[in-house]
Amino acid sequence: MPTPANFTHRPLTLSSSPLVLNPQGPGTFYFAFGSNLSPTQMAIRCTSTPTRSSLPIAIARLRGWKWHINKRGCANIAYTGNKKQNQDEEMDEVWGIVYDMSVEDEEILDGYEGVDWGAPEAIRNIERSWGTDYARERPTEQGDGRHNKVYLEVEIVEWKVKAWEEQLGNEKIRVLVYPDEYRTEEGVVRDSYIGRMNRAIGEALGLGLSEEWVSKVVRPVIPEGVEASDGYVGGDGK
């Protein structure tokens, strides 16, 4: 994999931005939907500024996307565009935790997510299977990576940090998301991932993630009763 020097990080929060003022310096709102729903895991992974990058700042949901376990056996999301909700069809949505992650920890998390830092810039404004809106937001092609990096708009359900609520209000914010665009078919969860997901589910529900969504979407494919060992946060694609 190319070195991180070949990739330009795009912080979403700045120390001097009139729109998103962050006294802690440049960072990125990161939307976690898998095992990183666990602040415990985030604190172990994000070794640069763990107290910042592992602090949940909001509960949010992403409309028009579907959560699933993919062929690699881990959580993934796929774009469907289904944002409508009526009596005949339910809306696709993904619930998650938003963190304010430092640029340094973003680089570390890129490694865990298997980002190809040498992937080329995405072709803009080209309609593909996921639609034009998503195409505009892609920073790079996935290349040889396990995940791509995209920047999408999520709806804030509940702020967990009052300072961010006072600054941004109950509005939508742009966040970093790591989808795997190559493996979007349904798969079977791998054994080494179940314990970490159970830890993530327990911690996320304690923070206020939707119990209804977890019961309907996540629990059917993540069996209970398997726990992750202390300090185990995966790595090298595991």
C-alpha atoms as a PDB file:
ATOM      1  CA  MET A   1       0.000   0.000   0.000  1.00  0.00           C
ATOM      2  CA  PRO A   2       1.330   3.502  -0.799  1.00  0.00           C
ATOM      3  CA  THR A   3       2.524   5.669   2.064  1.00  0.00           C
ATOM      4  CA  PRO A   4       0.141   8.150   3.728  1.00  0.00           C
ATOM      5  CA  ALA A   5       2.174  10.990   2.241  1.00  0.00           C
ATOM      6  CA  ASN A   6       0.467  10.335  -1.083  1.00  0.00           C
ATOM      7  CA  PHE A   7      -2.973  11.060   0.339  1.00  0.00           C
ATOM      8  CA  THR A   8      -4.348  14.498   1.213  1.00  0.00           C
ATOM      9  CA  HIS A   9      -6.618  14.509   4.234  1.00  0.00           C
ATOM     10  CA  ARG A  10      -9.624  16.815   4.063  1.00  0.00           C
ATOM     11  CA  PRO A  11     -10.468  17.961   7.588  1.00  0.00           C
ATOM     12  CA  LEU A  12     -14.094  18.963   8.005  1.00  0.00           C
ATOM     13  CA  THR A  13     -13.573  21.088  11.106  1.00  0.00           C
ATOM     14  CA  LEU A  14     -11.036  23.876  11.353  1.00  0.00           C
ATOM     15  CA  SER A  15      -9.608  25.955  14.165  1.00  0.00           C
ATOM     16  CA  SER A  16     -10.544  29.180  12.359  1.00  0.00           C
ATOM     17  CA  SER A  17     -13.620  28.238  10.299  1.00  0.00           C
ATOM     18  CA  PRO A  18     -16.602  30.594  10.759  1.00  0.00           C
ATOM     19  CA  LEU A  19     -18.953  27.646  10.135  1.00  0.00           C
ATOM     20  CA  VAL A  20     -17.402  24.851  12.173  1.00  0.00           C
ATOM     21  CA  LEU A  21     -15.090  26.248  14.822  1.00  0.00           C
ATOM     22  CA  ASN A  22     -12.995  23.642  16.576  1.00  0.00           C
ATOM     23  CA  PRO A  23     -10.741  24.941  19.370  1.00  0.00           C
ATOM     24  CA  GLN A  24      -8.860  21.627  19.310  1.00  0.00           C
ATOM     25  CA  GLY A  25      -7.613  22.253  15.790  1.00  0.00           C
ATOM     26  CA  PRO A  26      -8.433  20.669  12.420  1.00  0.00           C
ATOM     27  CA  GLY A  27     -10.387  17.451  12.554  1.00  0.00           C
ATOM     28  CA  THR A  28     -13.051  15.388  10.846  1.00  0.00           C
ATOM     29  CA  PHE A  29     -16.559  14.421  11.793  1.00  0.00           C
ATOM     30  CA  TYR A  30     -16.472  10.640  11.413  1.00  0.00           C
ATOM     31  CA  PHE A  31     -19.649   8.527  11.152  1.00  0.00           C
ATOM     32  CA  ALA A  32     -19.137   5.028  12.588  1.00  0.00           C
ATOM     33  CA  PHE A  33     -21.618   2.253  11.770  1.00  0.00           C
ATOM     34  CA  GLY A  34     -19.715  -0.977  12.567  1.00  0.00           C
ATOM     35  CA  SER A  35     -17.354  -2.035  15.335  1.00  0.00           C
ATOM     36  CA  ASN A  36     -16.201   1.589  15.698  1.00  0.00           C
ATOM     37  CA  LEU A  37     -19.583   2.291  17.279  1.00  0.00           C
ATOM     38  CA  SER A  38     -17.594   1.317  20.365  1.00  0.00           C
ATOM     39  CA  PRO A  39     -15.832   4.283  22.004  1.00  0.00           C
ATOM     40  CA  THR A  40     -13.642   1.698  23.753  1.00  0.00           C
ATOM     41  CA  GLN A  41     -12.346   0.467  20.418  1.00  0.00           C
ATOM     42  CA  MET A  42     -11.900   4.012  19.114  1.00  0.00           C
ATOM     43  CA  ALA A  43      -9.857   4.954  22.192  1.00  0.00           C
ATOM     44  CA  ILE A  44      -7.494   2.015  21.626  1.00  0.00           C
ATOM     45  CA  ARG A  45      -7.170   2.588  17.905  1.00  0.00           C
ATOM     46  CA  CYS A  46      -6.797   6.380  17.945  1.00  0.00           C
ATOM     47  CA  THR A  47      -3.489   6.663  19.760  1.00  0.00           C
ATOM     48  CA  SER A  48      -2.687  10.269  18.767  1.00  0.00           C
ATOM     49  CA  THR A  49      -5.503  12.047  20.632  1.00  0.00           C
ATOM     50  CA  PRO A  50      -7.687   9.270  22.073  1.00  0.00           C
ATOM     51  CA  THR A  51      -9.694  11.441  24.453  1.00  0.00           C
ATOM     52  CA  ARG A  52     -10.785  13.599  21.522  1.00  0.00           C
ATOM     53  CA  SER A  53     -11.197  11.052  18.736  1.00  0.00           C
ATOM     54  CA  SER A  54     -13.087   8.481  20.813  1.00  0.00           C
ATOM     55  CA  LEU A  55     -15.577  10.928  22.342  1.00  0.00           C
ATOM     56  CA  PRO A  56     -19.067  10.454  20.843  1.00  0.00           C
ATOM     57  CA  ILE A  57     -20.412  13.877  19.950  1.00  0.00           C
ATOM     58  CA  ALA A  58     -23.724  12.842  18.377  1.00  0.00           C
ATOM     59  CA  ILE A  59     -26.127  10.094  17.377  1.00  0.00           C
ATOM     60  CA  ALA A  60     -26.962  10.400  13.678  1.00  0.00           C
ATOM     61  CA  ARG A  61     -28.595   8.576  10.802  1.00  0.00           C
ATOM     62  CA  LEU A  62     -27.796   8.340   7.115  1.00  0.00           C
ATOM     63  CA  ARG A  63     -30.816   8.084   4.838  1.00  0.00           C
ATOM     64  CA  GLY A  64     -30.841   6.239   1.532  1.00  0.00           C
ATOM     65  CA  TRP A  65     -28.217   3.669   2.560  1.00  0.00           C
ATOM     66  CA  LYS A  66     -28.538   0.055   3.702  1.00  0.00           C
ATOM     67  CA  TRP A  67     -26.504  -1.633   6.481  1.00  0.00           C
ATOM     68  CA  HIS A  68     -25.371  -5.223   5.911  1.00  0.00           C
ATOM     69  CA  ILE A  69     -22.637  -7.771   6.562  1.00  0.00           C
ATOM     70  CA  ASN A  70     -20.651  -8.076   3.343  1.00  0.00           C
ATOM     71  CA  LYS A  71     -18.614 -10.862   1.763  1.00  0.00           C
ATOM     72  CA  ARG A  72     -15.600 -10.011   3.957  1.00  0.00           C
ATOM     73  CA  GLY A  73     -17.747 -10.786   6.992  1.00  0.00           C
ATOM     74  CA  CYS A  74     -17.878  -7.273   8.447  1.00  0.00           C
ATOM     75  CA  ALA A  75     -20.290  -4.353   8.547  1.00  0.00           C
ATOM     76  CA  ASN A  76     -20.728  -2.318   5.397  1.00  0.00           C
ATOM     77  CA  ILE A  77     -23.209   0.136   3.923  1.00  0.00           C
ATOM     78  CA  ALA A  78     -24.471   0.348   0.351  1.00  0.00           C
ATOM     79  CA  TYR A  79     -26.196   3.222  -1.390  1.00  0.00           C
ATOM     80  CA  THR A  80     -29.813   2.541  -2.410  1.00  0.00           C
ATOM     81  CA  GLY A  81     -31.219   6.041  -2.784  1.00  0.00           C
ATOM     82  CA  ASN A  82     -34.389   4.922  -1.010  1.00  0.00           C
ATOM     83  CA  LYS A  83     -35.165   7.918   1.197  1.00  0.00           C
ATOM     84  CA  LYS A  84     -38.946   7.727   0.874  1.00  0.00           C
ATOM     85  CA  GLN A  85     -41.131   6.302   3.573  1.00  0.00           C
ATOM     86  CA  ASN A  86     -44.736   5.271   2.986  1.00  0.00           C
ATOM     87  CA  GLN A  87     -47.120   2.489   3.900  1.00  0.00           C
ATOM     88  CA  ASP A  88     -45.836   0.180   1.180  1.00  0.00           C
ATOM     89  CA  GLU A  89     -42.083   0.514   1.544  1.00  0.00           C
ATOM     90  CA  GLU A  90     -39.769   1.339   4.406  1.00  0.00           C
ATOM     91  CA  MET A  91     -36.961   3.834   4.049  1.00  0.00           C
ATOM     92  CA  ASP A  92     -33.374   2.614   4.029  1.00  0.00           C
ATOM     93  CA  GLU A  93     -31.292   4.223   6.752  1.00  0.00           C
ATOM     94  CA  VAL A  94     -28.154   3.590   8.774  1.00  0.00           C
ATOM     95  CA  TRP A  95     -27.755   4.726  12.371  1.00  0.00           C
ATOM     96  CA  GLY A  96     -24.355   5.569  13.760  1.00  0.00           C
ATOM     97  CA  ILE A  97     -22.135   7.482  16.166  1.00  0.00           C
ATOM     98  CA  VAL A  98     -20.358  10.691  15.171  1.00  0.00           C
ATOM     99  CA  TYR A  99     -16.865  11.393  16.493  1.00  0.00           C
ATOM    100  CA  ASP A 100     -14.683  14.499  16.133  1.00  0.00           C
ATOM    101  CA  MET A 101     -11.500  12.796  14.978  1.00  0.00           C
ATOM    102  CA  SER A 102      -8.118  14.515  14.726  1.00  0.00           C
ATOM    103  CA  VAL A 103      -6.286  14.464  11.396  1.00  0.00           C
ATOM    104  CA  GLU A 104      -3.548  12.313  12.950  1.00  0.00           C
ATOM    105  CA  ASP A 105      -6.048   9.731  14.169  1.00  0.00           C
ATOM    106  CA  GLU A 106      -7.811   9.803  10.823  1.00  0.00           C
ATOM    107  CA  GLU A 107      -4.563   8.646   9.262  1.00  0.00           C
ATOM    108  CA  ILE A 108      -4.342   5.836  11.819  1.00  0.00           C
ATOM    109  CA  LEU A 109      -7.945   4.794  11.169  1.00  0.00           C
ATOM    110  CA  ASP A 110      -7.271   4.821   7.425  1.00  0.00           C
ATOM    111  CA  GLY A 111      -4.798   2.045   8.115  1.00  0.00           C
ATOM    112  CA  TYR A 112      -7.319  -0.038  10.046  1.00  0.00           C
ATOM    113  CA  GLU A 113      -9.896   0.485   7.285  1.00  0.00           C
ATOM    114  CA  GLY A 114      -7.418  -0.463   4.573  1.00  0.00           C
ATOM    115  CA  VAL A 115      -7.576   2.780   2.595  1.00  0.00           C
ATOM    116  CA  ASP A 116      -5.461   2.948  -0.560  1.00  0.00           C
ATOM    117  CA  TRP A 117      -3.773   6.325  -0.109  1.00  0.00           C
ATOM    118  CA  GLY A 118      -2.523   6.220  -3.683  1.00  0.00           C
ATOM    119  CA  ALA A 119      -5.971   5.826  -5.264  1.00  0.00           C
ATOM    120  CA  PRO A 120      -6.718   8.471  -7.917  1.00  0.00           C
ATOM    121  CA  GLU A 121      -9.184  11.294  -7.556  1.00  0.00           C
ATOM    122  CA  ALA A 122     -12.740  10.234  -8.365  1.00  0.00           C
ATOM    123  CA  ILE A 123     -14.320  11.297 -11.640  1.00  0.00           C
ATOM    124  CA  ARG A 124     -16.768  14.025 -10.686  1.00  0.00           C
ATOM    125  CA  ASN A 125     -20.408  14.365 -11.666  1.00  0.00           C
ATOM    126  CA  ILE A 126     -20.595  10.989 -13.421  1.00  0.00           C
ATOM    127  CA  GLU A 127     -23.829   9.128 -12.715  1.00  0.00           C
ATOM    128  CA  ARG A 128     -23.164   5.549 -11.692  1.00  0.00           C
ATOM    129  CA  SER A 129     -25.182   2.938  -9.894  1.00  0.00           C
ATOM    130  CA  TRP A 130     -25.251   4.998  -6.686  1.00  0.00           C
ATOM    131  CA  GLY A 131     -26.483   8.254  -8.283  1.00  0.00           C
ATOM    132  CA  THR A 132     -25.034  11.673  -8.986  1.00  0.00           C
ATOM    133  CA  ASP A 133     -25.214  13.027  -5.424  1.00  0.00           C
ATOM    134  CA  TYR A 134     -22.967  10.270  -4.106  1.00  0.00           C
ATOM    135  CA  ALA A 135     -20.587  10.599  -7.053  1.00  0.00           C
ATOM    136  CA  ARG A 136     -19.986  14.260  -6.261  1.00  0.00           C
ATOM    137  CA  GLU A 137     -18.973  13.428  -2.710  1.00  0.00           C
ATOM    138  CA  ARG A 138     -16.376  10.733  -3.422  1.00  0.00           C
ATOM    139  CA  PRO A 139     -12.843  11.987  -2.723  1.00  0.00           C
ATOM    140  CA  THR A 140     -11.038   9.079  -4.380  1.00  0.00           C
ATOM    141  CA  GLU A 141     -11.565   5.811  -6.157  1.00  0.00           C
ATOM    142  CA  GLN A 142     -11.282   2.816  -3.819  1.00  0.00           C
ATOM    143  CA  GLY A 143      -8.280   1.552  -5.757  1.00  0.00           C
ATOM    144  CA  ASP A 144      -6.640  -1.421  -4.055  1.00  0.00           C
ATOM    145  CA  GLY A 145      -8.125  -0.571  -0.670  1.00  0.00           C
ATOM    146  CA  ARG A 146     -10.641  -2.469   1.445  1.00  0.00           C
ATOM    147  CA  HIS A 147     -12.675   0.715   1.896  1.00  0.00           C
ATOM    148  CA  ASN A 148     -13.113   4.059   0.190  1.00  0.00           C
ATOM    149  CA  LYS A 149     -13.454   7.445   1.879  1.00  0.00           C
ATOM    150  CA  VAL A 150     -16.602   9.439   1.125  1.00  0.00           C
ATOM    151  CA  TYR A 151     -18.073  12.572   2.653  1.00  0.00           C
ATOM    152  CA  LEU A 152     -21.837  12.497   3.133  1.00  0.00           C
ATOM    153  CA  GLU A 153     -24.561  14.407   4.926  1.00  0.00           C
ATOM    154  CA  VAL A 154     -26.139  12.822   8.003  1.00  0.00           C
ATOM    155  CA  GLU A 155     -29.075  13.906  10.102  1.00  0.00           C
ATOM    156  CA  ILE A 156     -28.323  14.601  13.750  1.00  0.00           C
ATOM    157  CA  VAL A 157     -30.725  12.747  16.038  1.00  0.00           C
ATOM    158  CA  GLU A 158     -29.160  13.710  19.376  1.00  0.00           C
ATOM    159  CA  TRP A 159     -26.141  15.766  20.301  1.00  0.00           C
ATOM    160  CA  LYS A 160     -24.011  14.273  23.061  1.00  0.00           C
ATOM    161  CA  VAL A 161     -21.716  17.302  23.451  1.00  0.00           C
ATOM    162  CA  LYS A 162     -23.445  20.568  24.298  1.00  0.00           C
ATOM    163  CA  ALA A 163     -20.728  22.763  22.764  1.00  0.00           C
ATOM    164  CA  TRP A 164     -21.284  21.213  19.337  1.00  0.00           C
ATOM    165  CA  GLU A 165     -25.055  21.500  19.722  1.00  0.00           C
ATOM    166  CA  GLU A 166     -24.769  25.182  20.575  1.00  0.00           C
ATOM    167  CA  GLN A 167     -22.554  25.826  17.566  1.00  0.00           C
ATOM    168  CA  LEU A 168     -24.308  23.730  14.914  1.00  0.00           C
ATOM    169  CA  GLY A 169     -27.832  23.244  16.242  1.00  0.00           C
ATOM    170  CA  ASN A 170     -30.098  20.383  15.216  1.00  0.00           C
ATOM    171  CA  GLU A 171     -28.996  20.352  11.607  1.00  0.00           C
ATOM    172  CA  LYS A 172     -27.404  18.014   9.125  1.00  0.00           C
ATOM    173  CA  ILE A 173     -23.615  17.845   9.054  1.00  0.00           C
ATOM    174  CA  ARG A 174     -21.074  16.479   6.599  1.00  0.00           C
ATOM    175  CA  VAL A 175     -19.175  13.448   7.829  1.00  0.00           C
ATOM    176  CA  LEU A 176     -16.491  11.013   6.730  1.00  0.00           C
ATOM    177  CA  VAL A 177     -17.727   7.477   6.029  1.00  0.00           C
ATOM    178  CA  TYR A 178     -15.772   4.351   5.035  1.00  0.00           C
ATOM    179  CA  PRO A 179     -17.865   2.136   2.690  1.00  0.00           C
ATOM    180  CA  ASP A 180     -16.578  -0.880   0.793  1.00  0.00           C
ATOM    181  CA  GLU A 181     -17.819  -0.231  -2.731  1.00  0.00           C
ATOM    182  CA  TYR A 182     -16.539  -3.525  -4.145  1.00  0.00           C
ATOM    183  CA  ARG A 183     -18.234  -5.964  -1.770  1.00  0.00           C
ATOM    184  CA  THR A 184     -21.829  -4.838  -1.414  1.00  0.00           C
ATOM    185  CA  GLU A 185     -23.487  -8.276  -1.514  1.00  0.00           C
ATOM    186  CA  GLU A 186     -24.797  -9.936   1.638  1.00  0.00           C
ATOM    187  CA  GLY A 187     -22.334 -12.184   3.453  1.00  0.00           C
ATOM    188  CA  VAL A 188     -21.912 -14.070   6.730  1.00  0.00           C
ATOM    189  CA  VAL A 189     -20.296 -12.385   9.727  1.00  0.00           C
ATOM    190  CA  ARG A 190     -16.860 -13.791  10.536  1.00  0.00           C
ATOM    191  CA  ASP A 191     -16.258 -15.210  13.990  1.00  0.00           C
ATOM    192  CA  SER A 192     -13.535 -12.720  14.969  1.00  0.00           C
ATOM    193  CA  TYR A 193     -15.893  -9.807  14.271  1.00  0.00           C
ATOM    194  CA  ILE A 194     -18.877 -10.925  16.349  1.00  0.00           C
ATOM    195  CA  GLY A 195     -17.421 -10.069  19.753  1.00  0.00           C
ATOM    196  CA  ARG A 196     -16.344  -6.602  18.653  1.00  0.00           C
ATOM    197  CA  MET A 197     -19.800  -5.938  17.204  1.00  0.00           C
ATOM    198  CA  ASN A 198     -21.461  -7.046  20.432  1.00  0.00           C
ATOM    199  CA  ARG A 199     -19.240  -4.644  22.367  1.00  0.00           C
ATOM    200  CA  ALA A 200     -20.122  -1.901  19.876  1.00  0.00           C
ATOM    201  CA  ILE A 201     -23.850  -2.618  20.059  1.00  0.00           C
ATOM    202  CA  GLY A 202     -23.887  -2.542  23.843  1.00  0.00           C
ATOM    203  CA  GLU A 203     -21.970   0.720  24.083  1.00  0.00           C
ATOM    204  CA  ALA A 204     -23.928   2.392  21.270  1.00  0.00           C
ATOM    205  CA  LEU A 205     -27.299   1.457  22.763  1.00  0.00           C
ATOM    206  CA  GLY A 206     -26.104   2.920  26.047  1.00  0.00           C
ATOM    207  CA  LEU A 207     -25.421   6.179  24.227  1.00  0.00           C
ATOM    208  CA  GLY A 208     -28.883   6.266  22.668  1.00  0.00           C
ATOM    209  CA  LEU A 209     -28.602   4.485  19.329  1.00  0.00           C
ATOM    210  CA  SER A 210     -31.998   3.300  18.090  1.00  0.00           C
ATOM    211  CA  GLU A 211     -32.921  -0.004  19.755  1.00  0.00           C
ATOM    212  CA  GLU A 212     -35.569  -0.566  17.094  1.00  0.00           C
ATOM    213  CA  TRP A 213     -33.045  -0.187  14.267  1.00  0.00           C
ATOM    214  CA  VAL A 214     -30.505  -2.460  15.973  1.00  0.00           C
ATOM    215  CA  SER A 215     -33.141  -5.145  16.622  1.00  0.00           C
ATOM    216  CA  LYS A 216     -34.424  -5.009  13.070  1.00  0.00           C
ATOM    217  CA  VAL A 217     -31.226  -4.590  11.056  1.00  0.00           C
ATOM    218  CA  VAL A 218     -28.160  -5.595  13.099  1.00  0.00           C
ATOM    219  CA  ARG A 219     -29.210  -8.254  15.599  1.00  0.00           C
ATOM    220  CA  PRO A 220     -30.472 -10.773  13.008  1.00  0.00           C
ATOM    221  CA  VAL A 221     -26.890 -11.198  11.723  1.00  0.00           C
ATOM    222  CA  ILE A 222     -24.887 -10.611  14.932  1.00  0.00           C
ATOM    223  CA  PRO A 223     -25.493 -13.424  17.455  1.00  0.00           C
ATOM    224  CA  GLU A 224     -25.443 -12.539  21.127  1.00  0.00           C
ATOM    225  CA  GLY A 225     -23.286 -14.223  23.750  1.00  0.00           C
ATOM    226  CA  VAL A 226     -19.887 -13.748  22.100  1.00  0.00           C
ATOM    227  CA  GLU A 227     -17.632 -11.133  23.682  1.00  0.00           C
ATOM    228  CA  ALA A 228     -14.402  -9.559  22.461  1.00  0.00           C
ATOM    229  CA  SER A 229     -11.326 -10.041  24.601  1.00  0.00           C
ATOM    230  CA  ASP A 230     -10.034  -6.960  26.424  1.00  0.00           C
ATOM    231  CA  GLY A 231      -7.943  -4.796  24.153  1.00  0.00           C
ATOM    232  CA  TYR A 232      -8.830  -6.655  20.956  1.00  0.00           C
ATOM    233  CA  VAL A 233      -9.761  -4.126  18.246  1.00  0.00           C
ATOM    234  CA  GLY A 234      -8.929  -6.036  15.073  1.00  0.00           C
ATOM    235  CA  GLY A 235      -6.352  -5.023  12.518  1.00  0.00           C
ATOM    236  CA  ASP A 236      -4.875  -6.117   9.205  1.00  0.00           C
ATOM    237  CA  GLY A 237      -8.363  -6.598   7.854  1.00  0.00           C
ATOM    238  CA  LYS A 238      -9.503  -8.739  10.793  1.00  0.00           C
END
